[in-house]
Amino acid sequence: MDLQTLKKLVRQGEHLHLEFKLKATHPDKITKEAVSFANAEGGIILLGVDDDKNIKGVKFPEEDEFVLAKAFSELAFPAIKYELEKIVLENDREILIFHIDKSPQIHYLLENAFQKQNGKAYIRVNDKCVKASKEVHQIIKGRRSEKNIKFYFKENEKNLMQFLDENKKITVQKFAELVKINPNIASKTLVLLTLGGVLEVVPDEMEDFFVVKPIE
């Protein structure tokens, strides 16, 4: 990537596949962004660019590169894989460009590097990093397995689809109340229908909701 291409990229602003970070002073937060990209569709982290789209660069690029390489390895499980590009600015500072691909595995931000079971999964939603709900976590996991999905349309599923035809979206809690079932069963049903290509999940910071998947 050259400087002209970088400037065009920055003008887009932060979005689903792009995050700006000015410094590496909070490697845990940057690792969380990397985790969210790996669990979604991949993305780019630009180190040395602020939220106002100012391309300032980092003063000590080798130190920042070391800090983030260590964080991506020790604070994420599995370790975040990435490709790194560097652009030298006129002020002799550098922009570090971390390219993070969608991973075939679910990645977690570790609360404790020695206790991997305590990790939390994050995904990218628009220009934000959001903790993955139980349902999104299961959907990611299911999509990355090779299991065949089977489901049956019974009374609950028919009531669900009728509700969606009239109201367009539904949450786990609303579905449980609608058909009078345990929220855990409602959750499993919505996840199964999403994995089966009937529904789509729309992650949200407050509460995820499900919609009918458009016919392609």
Protein backbone atom coordinates (compact mmCIF):
# COMPACT_ATOMS: atom_id res chain seq x y z
CA MET A 1 0.00 0.00 0.00
CA ASP A 2 1.33 3.47 -0.87
CA LEU A 3 0.58 6.77 0.86
CA GLN A 4 -2.05 7.82 -1.68
CA THR A 5 -3.95 4.56 -1.20
CA LEU A 6 -3.68 4.98 2.58
CA LYS A 7 -5.19 8.47 2.40
CA LYS A 8 -8.12 7.17 0.34
CA LEU A 9 -8.64 4.40 2.88
CA VAL A 10 -8.59 6.80 5.82
CA ARG A 11 -11.11 9.12 4.14
CA GLN A 12 -13.66 6.29 4.33
CA GLY A 13 -13.65 6.52 8.11
CA GLU A 14 -13.96 3.58 10.45
CA HIS A 15 -16.38 0.91 9.27
CA LEU A 16 -17.01 -2.83 9.32
CA HIS A 17 -13.53 -3.62 8.00
CA LEU A 18 -11.46 -0.66 9.21
CA GLU A 19 -10.30 0.56 12.64
CA PHE A 20 -8.08 3.52 13.58
CA LYS A 21 -5.73 3.51 16.56
CA LEU A 22 -3.33 6.36 17.31
CA LYS A 23 -0.99 4.53 19.69
CA ALA A 24 -0.32 1.07 21.08
CA THR A 25 -0.66 2.22 24.67
CA HIS A 26 -3.65 -0.10 25.23
CA PRO A 27 -2.66 -3.35 23.49
CA ASP A 28 -5.54 -5.23 25.12
CA LYS A 29 -8.08 -2.96 23.42
CA ILE A 30 -6.35 -3.29 20.06
CA THR A 31 -6.24 -7.06 20.49
CA LYS A 32 -9.98 -7.03 21.15
CA GLU A 33 -10.47 -5.26 17.81
CA ALA A 34 -8.26 -7.85 16.12
CA VAL A 35 -10.33 -10.64 17.69
CA SER A 36 -13.54 -9.04 16.44
CA PHE A 37 -12.17 -8.86 12.88
CA ALA A 38 -10.97 -12.47 12.96
CA ASN A 39 -14.41 -13.62 14.14
CA ALA A 40 -16.25 -11.59 11.51
CA GLU A 41 -15.15 -10.86 7.95
CA GLY A 42 -11.62 -9.70 8.60
CA GLY A 43 -10.36 -6.14 8.56
CA ILE A 44 -7.53 -3.63 8.84
CA ILE A 45 -6.18 -1.86 11.89
CA LEU A 46 -4.28 1.34 11.12
CA LEU A 47 -1.90 2.29 13.89
CA GLY A 48 -0.93 5.96 13.78
CA VAL A 49 -4.31 7.36 12.68
CA ASP A 50 -6.68 9.10 15.10
CA ASP A 51 -10.50 9.06 15.17
CA ASP A 52 -10.61 12.39 13.29
CA LYS A 53 -8.81 10.77 10.33
CA ASN A 54 -5.53 12.57 11.02
CA ILE A 55 -2.60 10.54 9.74
CA LYS A 56 -0.01 11.25 12.43
CA GLY A 57 2.07 8.08 12.47
CA VAL A 58 3.84 6.45 15.38
CA LYS A 59 7.16 7.72 16.70
CA PHE A 60 8.63 4.37 17.70
CA PRO A 61 7.22 1.85 15.19
CA GLU A 62 9.52 -1.01 16.16
CA GLU A 63 8.42 -0.77 19.78
CA ASP A 64 4.73 -0.60 18.85
CA GLU A 65 5.12 -3.54 16.48
CA PHE A 66 6.73 -5.58 19.27
CA VAL A 67 4.01 -4.64 21.78
CA LEU A 68 1.17 -5.65 19.45
CA ALA A 69 2.87 -8.82 18.22
CA LYS A 70 3.21 -9.86 21.85
CA ALA A 71 -0.40 -8.91 22.64
CA PHE A 72 -1.84 -10.72 19.61
CA SER A 73 0.07 -13.81 20.68
CA GLU A 74 -0.51 -13.74 24.43
CA LEU A 75 -3.86 -11.97 24.89
CA ALA A 76 -5.76 -13.81 22.15
CA PHE A 77 -6.49 -17.51 21.81
CA PRO A 78 -5.71 -18.84 19.32
CA ALA A 79 -3.03 -16.24 18.58
CA ILE A 80 -4.07 -13.65 15.99
CA LYS A 81 -2.44 -14.14 12.61
CA TYR A 82 -1.85 -11.03 10.56
CA GLU A 83 0.17 -9.42 7.80
CA LEU A 84 1.95 -6.15 8.49
CA GLU A 85 2.68 -3.26 6.13
CA LYS A 86 4.52 -0.04 6.98
CA ILE A 87 4.35 3.39 5.40
CA VAL A 88 6.94 6.04 6.25
CA LEU A 89 5.53 9.58 6.46
CA GLU A 90 7.26 12.87 5.69
CA ASN A 91 7.73 13.49 9.43
CA ASP A 92 9.72 10.22 9.61
CA ARG A 93 6.97 8.59 11.61
CA GLU A 94 5.33 5.41 10.36
CA ILE A 95 1.87 3.98 9.87
CA LEU A 96 1.58 0.32 10.82
CA ILE A 97 -1.07 -1.51 8.81
CA PHE A 98 -2.29 -4.77 10.34
CA HIS A 99 -4.24 -6.95 7.89
CA ILE A 100 -6.36 -9.49 9.78
CA ASP A 101 -8.19 -12.18 7.82
CA LYS A 102 -11.36 -13.99 8.79
CA SER A 103 -10.28 -17.03 10.77
CA PRO A 104 -11.60 -20.59 10.43
CA GLN A 105 -11.55 -20.72 14.25
CA ILE A 106 -13.29 -18.63 16.89
CA HIS A 107 -10.87 -16.27 18.60
CA TYR A 108 -11.12 -15.08 22.18
CA LEU A 109 -9.73 -12.18 24.16
CA LEU A 110 -8.24 -13.70 27.28
CA GLU A 111 -9.01 -12.33 30.71
CA ASN A 112 -6.01 -14.24 31.98
CA ALA A 113 -3.30 -15.51 29.66
CA PHE A 114 -2.91 -18.61 31.82
CA GLN A 115 -6.62 -19.47 31.87
CA LYS A 116 -7.74 -19.80 28.28
CA GLN A 117 -11.20 -21.05 29.20
CA ASN A 118 -12.04 -17.57 30.52
CA GLY A 119 -11.80 -15.90 27.12
CA LYS A 120 -14.54 -13.76 25.61
CA ALA A 121 -15.48 -13.73 21.93
CA TYR A 122 -16.03 -10.44 20.10
CA ILE A 123 -17.33 -9.61 16.64
CA ARG A 124 -17.32 -6.52 14.46
CA VAL A 125 -20.68 -4.74 14.08
CA ASN A 126 -20.56 -1.72 11.77
CA ASP A 127 -17.66 0.31 13.22
CA LYS A 128 -17.80 -1.18 16.71
CA CYS A 129 -16.36 -4.17 18.53
CA VAL A 130 -19.19 -6.02 20.30
CA LYS A 131 -19.10 -8.96 22.67
CA ALA A 132 -20.64 -11.96 20.95
CA SER A 133 -23.86 -13.18 22.50
CA LYS A 134 -24.38 -16.85 23.27
CA GLU A 135 -26.38 -17.20 20.06
CA VAL A 136 -23.81 -15.47 17.85
CA HIS A 137 -21.07 -17.57 19.42
CA GLN A 138 -22.95 -20.77 18.56
CA ILE A 139 -23.68 -19.54 15.03
CA ILE A 140 -20.01 -18.74 14.39
CA LYS A 141 -19.03 -22.13 15.77
CA GLY A 142 -21.67 -23.93 13.72
CA ARG A 143 -20.75 -22.19 10.47
CA ARG A 144 -17.13 -23.19 10.86
CA SER A 145 -17.92 -26.86 11.42
CA GLU A 146 -18.75 -29.29 8.65
CA LYS A 147 -21.91 -30.68 10.21
CA ASN A 148 -25.10 -30.90 8.18
CA ILE A 149 -27.96 -28.90 9.69
CA LYS A 150 -31.38 -30.53 9.93
CA PHE A 151 -34.55 -28.98 11.36
CA TYR A 152 -38.31 -29.45 11.17
CA PHE A 153 -41.08 -26.88 10.89
CA LYS A 154 -43.48 -27.59 13.71
CA GLU A 155 -46.04 -25.38 15.40
CA ASN A 156 -43.49 -23.15 17.15
CA GLU A 157 -41.55 -22.55 13.94
CA LYS A 158 -44.75 -21.77 12.03
CA ASN A 159 -45.78 -19.24 14.69
CA LEU A 160 -42.31 -17.74 14.52
CA MET A 161 -42.43 -17.26 10.77
CA GLN A 162 -45.92 -15.77 10.96
CA PHE A 163 -44.70 -13.30 13.58
CA LEU A 164 -41.71 -12.36 11.43
CA ASP A 165 -43.94 -11.87 8.41
CA GLU A 166 -45.87 -9.25 10.37
CA ASN A 167 -43.15 -7.74 12.59
CA LYS A 168 -39.93 -8.30 10.60
CA LYS A 169 -37.69 -9.10 13.60
CA ILE A 170 -37.68 -11.00 16.89
CA THR A 171 -35.43 -11.52 19.91
CA VAL A 172 -34.82 -14.72 21.83
CA GLN A 173 -36.89 -13.47 24.75
CA LYS A 174 -39.79 -12.38 22.52
CA PHE A 175 -39.82 -15.75 20.75
CA ALA A 176 -39.84 -17.58 24.10
CA GLU A 177 -42.81 -15.46 25.24
CA LEU A 178 -44.60 -15.84 21.91
CA VAL A 179 -44.71 -19.62 21.91
CA LYS A 180 -44.38 -20.08 25.69
CA ILE A 181 -41.13 -22.03 25.80
CA ASN A 182 -37.95 -21.86 27.86
CA PRO A 183 -35.57 -19.13 26.60
CA ASN A 184 -32.82 -21.75 26.22
CA ILE A 185 -35.00 -23.73 23.83
CA ALA A 186 -35.95 -20.54 22.00
CA SER A 187 -32.26 -19.73 21.65
CA LYS A 188 -31.40 -23.15 20.25
CA THR A 189 -34.28 -22.97 17.78
CA LEU A 190 -33.26 -19.57 16.43
CA VAL A 191 -29.62 -20.65 16.15
CA LEU A 192 -30.62 -23.81 14.28
CA LEU A 193 -32.81 -21.88 11.84
CA THR A 194 -30.00 -19.40 11.27
CA LEU A 195 -27.49 -22.16 10.56
CA GLY A 196 -30.08 -23.72 8.27
CA GLY A 197 -30.26 -20.56 6.18
CA VAL A 198 -33.82 -19.59 7.14
CA LEU A 199 -32.96 -16.68 9.43
CA GLU A 200 -30.18 -14.15 9.88
CA VAL A 201 -28.91 -12.86 13.19
CA VAL A 202 -28.35 -9.12 13.57
CA PRO A 203 -25.89 -8.55 16.44
CA ASP A 204 -26.57 -5.51 18.57
CA GLU A 205 -24.89 -3.95 21.60
CA MET A 206 -28.11 -4.18 23.60
CA GLU A 207 -29.85 -7.35 22.37
CA ASP A 208 -29.45 -9.38 19.18
CA PHE A 209 -32.46 -9.92 16.95
CA PHE A 210 -33.30 -12.30 14.13
CA VAL A 211 -34.84 -11.61 10.73
CA VAL A 212 -35.85 -13.74 7.77
CA LYS A 213 -32.89 -14.27 5.45
CA PRO A 214 -33.52 -12.62 2.07
CA ILE A 215 -33.78 -14.92 -0.93
CA GLU A 216 -30.72 -14.47 -3.14
